[in-house]
Protein backbone atom coordinates (compact mmCIF):
# COMPACT_ATOMS: atom_id res chain seq x y z
CA MET A 1 324.68 248.67 105.24
CA ASN A 2 321.62 250.40 106.89
CA GLY A 3 320.91 248.18 109.47
CA SER A 4 317.81 246.19 108.20
CA VAL A 5 318.10 242.59 108.50
CA ARG A 6 317.82 240.14 105.37
CA LYS A 7 319.16 236.86 104.29
CA LEU A 8 322.77 236.17 103.34
CA SER A 9 321.82 234.90 99.88
CA GLN A 10 320.18 238.49 99.12
CA LEU A 11 323.13 240.51 99.74
CA PRO A 12 324.80 241.99 96.43
CA LEU A 13 327.97 241.03 95.11
CA GLY A 14 330.98 242.87 97.00
CA ASN A 15 328.67 243.95 99.69
CA ARG A 16 329.42 243.35 103.42
CA GLY A 17 327.09 242.47 106.44
CA ILE A 18 327.39 241.18 109.82
CA VAL A 19 325.52 238.08 110.90
CA SER A 20 322.35 238.79 113.29
CA HIS A 21 321.03 235.00 113.45
CA LEU A 22 320.77 231.72 112.20
CA THR A 23 317.48 230.04 111.63
CA ALA A 24 319.04 226.61 110.92
CA ASP A 25 318.67 223.62 113.04
CA GLY A 26 320.49 220.25 113.42
CA PRO A 27 323.70 219.49 111.25
CA VAL A 28 322.98 222.42 108.89
CA ARG A 29 323.07 224.93 112.00
CA ARG A 30 326.32 223.18 113.27
CA ARG A 31 327.79 223.26 109.98
CA LEU A 32 327.38 227.14 109.63
CA LEU A 33 328.40 227.65 112.86
CA ASP A 34 331.49 225.74 112.39
CA LEU A 35 332.40 228.11 109.12
CA GLY A 36 332.24 231.15 111.35
CA LEU A 37 328.70 232.15 110.58
CA VAL A 38 328.19 233.19 114.56
CA GLU A 39 326.30 236.26 115.49
CA GLY A 40 328.53 239.56 115.08
CA ALA A 41 330.71 237.98 112.17
CA LYS A 42 331.68 240.00 109.07
CA VAL A 43 330.79 238.62 105.93
CA GLU A 44 331.44 239.88 102.32
CA VAL A 45 330.14 238.38 99.01
CA ILE A 46 333.32 237.66 96.89
CA ARG A 47 332.06 235.59 93.85
CA ARG A 48 328.91 234.03 92.43
CA SER A 49 329.20 231.41 90.11
CA LEU A 50 328.00 231.56 86.51
CA ALA A 51 324.42 229.98 87.47
CA GLY A 52 324.23 232.09 90.48
CA ASP A 53 324.69 229.03 92.97
CA PRO A 54 326.90 228.52 94.83
CA THR A 55 328.33 231.94 96.26
CA ALA A 56 331.66 232.42 97.78
CA TYR A 57 331.71 234.54 101.01
CA LEU A 58 334.77 235.88 102.83
CA ILE A 59 334.44 235.16 106.67
CA LYS A 60 337.14 235.88 109.14
CA GLY A 61 339.63 235.39 106.53
CA ALA A 62 338.62 232.20 104.98
CA VAL A 63 336.50 232.04 101.83
CA ILE A 64 333.59 229.56 102.02
CA ALA A 65 331.09 228.48 99.39
CA LEU A 66 327.41 228.40 100.15
CA ARG A 67 324.58 227.22 98.56
CA LYS A 68 321.14 229.36 98.33
CA GLU A 69 319.57 226.68 100.60
CA GLU A 70 321.95 226.98 103.42
CA ALA A 71 322.87 231.16 102.78
CA ASP A 72 318.82 231.56 103.39
CA HIS A 73 319.51 230.52 106.94
CA VAL A 74 321.89 233.13 107.59
CA TYR A 75 320.46 236.69 108.46
CA ILE A 76 322.53 239.76 108.36
CA LYS A 77 322.34 243.05 108.92
């Protein structure tokens, strides 16, 4: 992690990041927050499907799956 901010969907497999901010609104934002994607949360990319979407992430001890369109709303550093 070099301090640069990028989309969660761009984080390579096996890498970690810290949530910087979300760009989603409405129900999508609420879902992401409910899943633990709050500012300062640590996120690790643990698995991608064979087709590349969805991707599994480890967040606060729980494994969640997000599609690229959802992960594009999460910015990490």
